[in-house]
Amino acid sequence: NTYHTFEEANIAIFQYIEGWYNRKRLHSSINYMTPDQCELLARSAA
């Protein structure tokens, strides 16, 4: 895709993550946590 502005790209990325990406699937690369769990852990450690 070609985006004319940063805002267009930002919206497209957000829509992909929220609409299509499975945020509940366990990932072996992050110790079998969901992306949401990993993000929460990273935020609490910061």
N, C-alpha and C. Protein backbone atom coordinates (compact mmCIF):
# COMPACT_ATOMS: atom_id res chain seq x y z
N ASN A 1 0.83 -1.20 0.00
CA ASN A 1 0.00 0.00 0.00
C ASN A 1 0.87 1.25 0.00
N THR A 2 0.33 2.27 -0.60
CA THR A 2 0.99 3.57 -0.60
C THR A 2 0.12 4.53 0.20
N TYR A 3 0.74 5.22 1.13
CA TYR A 3 0.01 6.18 1.96
C TYR A 3 0.57 7.56 1.68
N HIS A 4 -0.32 8.52 1.58
CA HIS A 4 0.10 9.88 1.25
C HIS A 4 0.52 10.68 2.48
N THR A 5 0.04 10.26 3.63
CA THR A 5 0.41 10.96 4.86
C THR A 5 0.72 9.94 5.95
N PHE A 6 1.41 10.40 6.96
CA PHE A 6 1.69 9.57 8.11
C PHE A 6 0.39 9.15 8.78
N GLU A 7 -0.56 10.06 8.84
CA GLU A 7 -1.86 9.79 9.47
C GLU A 7 -2.57 8.63 8.77
N GLU A 8 -2.56 8.60 7.45
CA GLU A 8 -3.19 7.50 6.71
C GLU A 8 -2.54 6.17 7.06
N ALA A 9 -1.22 6.15 7.12
CA ALA A 9 -0.50 4.92 7.47
C ALA A 9 -0.82 4.50 8.90
N ASN A 10 -0.84 5.45 9.79
CA ASN A 10 -1.13 5.17 11.19
C ASN A 10 -2.52 4.56 11.36
N ILE A 11 -3.50 5.10 10.68
CA ILE A 11 -4.87 4.58 10.75
C ILE A 11 -4.93 3.17 10.18
N ALA A 12 -4.27 2.93 9.06
CA ALA A 12 -4.28 1.61 8.44
C ALA A 12 -3.65 0.56 9.36
N ILE A 13 -2.55 0.92 10.00
CA ILE A 13 -1.89 -0.01 10.92
C ILE A 13 -2.79 -0.30 12.11
N PHE A 14 -3.40 0.72 12.66
CA PHE A 14 -4.32 0.54 13.80
C PHE A 14 -5.48 -0.37 13.42
N GLN A 15 -6.07 -0.14 12.25
CA GLN A 15 -7.19 -0.96 11.80
C GLN A 15 -6.78 -2.42 11.61
N TYR A 16 -5.59 -2.64 11.10
CA TYR A 16 -5.09 -4.01 10.93
C TYR A 16 -4.95 -4.70 12.28
N ILE A 17 -4.31 -4.04 13.21
CA ILE A 17 -4.08 -4.65 14.52
C ILE A 17 -5.39 -4.93 15.23
N GLU A 18 -6.28 -3.98 15.24
CA GLU A 18 -7.54 -4.14 15.97
C GLU A 18 -8.53 -5.03 15.25
N GLY A 19 -8.49 -5.06 13.92
CA GLY A 19 -9.50 -5.79 13.17
C GLY A 19 -9.11 -7.17 12.71
N TRP A 20 -7.85 -7.39 12.42
CA TRP A 20 -7.44 -8.64 11.80
C TRP A 20 -6.44 -9.44 12.60
N TYR A 21 -5.56 -8.78 13.33
CA TYR A 21 -4.50 -9.49 14.03
C TYR A 21 -5.06 -10.19 15.26
N ASN A 22 -4.75 -11.45 15.42
CA ASN A 22 -5.24 -12.23 16.54
C ASN A 22 -4.38 -11.95 17.77
N ARG A 23 -4.87 -11.08 18.63
CA ARG A 23 -4.11 -10.68 19.81
C ARG A 23 -4.24 -11.68 20.96
N LYS A 24 -5.03 -12.75 20.77
CA LYS A 24 -5.22 -13.75 21.82
C LYS A 24 -4.42 -15.02 21.58
N ARG A 25 -3.78 -15.11 20.41
CA ARG A 25 -3.01 -16.31 20.08
C ARG A 25 -1.72 -16.33 20.89
N LEU A 26 -1.37 -17.49 21.43
CA LEU A 26 -0.13 -17.64 22.18
C LEU A 26 1.04 -17.68 21.22
N HIS A 27 2.13 -17.01 21.59
CA HIS A 27 3.32 -16.93 20.75
C HIS A 27 4.50 -17.56 21.49
N SER A 28 5.14 -18.53 20.86
CA SER A 28 6.28 -19.18 21.50
C SER A 28 7.45 -18.21 21.69
N SER A 29 7.57 -17.23 20.81
CA SER A 29 8.69 -16.29 20.90
C SER A 29 8.59 -15.35 22.10
N ILE A 30 7.42 -15.26 22.70
CA ILE A 30 7.25 -14.43 23.90
C ILE A 30 6.77 -15.29 25.07
N ASN A 31 7.36 -16.49 25.15
CA ASN A 31 7.13 -17.40 26.27
C ASN A 31 5.66 -17.82 26.41
N TYR A 32 5.03 -18.09 25.28
CA TYR A 32 3.65 -18.58 25.23
C TYR A 32 2.67 -17.66 25.94
N MET A 33 2.87 -16.38 25.75
CA MET A 33 1.91 -15.38 26.22
C MET A 33 1.19 -14.81 25.01
N THR A 34 0.08 -14.15 25.27
CA THR A 34 -0.58 -13.41 24.21
C THR A 34 0.14 -12.08 24.05
N PRO A 35 0.00 -11.43 22.90
CA PRO A 35 0.60 -10.11 22.76
C PRO A 35 0.11 -9.13 23.83
N ASP A 36 -1.16 -9.22 24.19
CA ASP A 36 -1.69 -8.34 25.23
C ASP A 36 -1.01 -8.59 26.58
N GLN A 37 -0.82 -9.86 26.93
CA GLN A 37 -0.14 -10.19 28.18
C GLN A 37 1.29 -9.69 28.19
N CYS A 38 1.97 -9.87 27.08
CA CYS A 38 3.36 -9.43 26.98
C CYS A 38 3.46 -7.91 27.10
N GLU A 39 2.55 -7.21 26.45
CA GLU A 39 2.56 -5.75 26.52
C GLU A 39 2.29 -5.28 27.95
N LEU A 40 1.34 -5.91 28.62
CA LEU A 40 1.02 -5.54 30.00
C LEU A 40 2.22 -5.79 30.91
N LEU A 41 2.89 -6.91 30.73
CA LEU A 41 4.08 -7.22 31.52
C LEU A 41 5.19 -6.20 31.27
N ALA A 42 5.39 -5.83 30.03
CA ALA A 42 6.43 -4.86 29.69
C ALA A 42 6.11 -3.49 30.29
N ARG A 43 4.85 -3.10 30.26
CA ARG A 43 4.47 -1.80 30.83
C ARG A 43 4.63 -1.78 32.34
N SER A 44 4.31 -2.88 33.00
CA SER A 44 4.42 -2.92 34.47
C SER A 44 5.88 -2.97 34.92
N ALA A 45 6.77 -3.48 34.07
CA ALA A 45 8.20 -3.55 34.41
C ALA A 45 8.91 -2.22 34.17
N ALA A 46 8.32 -1.35 33.39
CA ALA A 46 8.97 -0.07 33.04
C ALA A 46 8.87 0.96 34.12
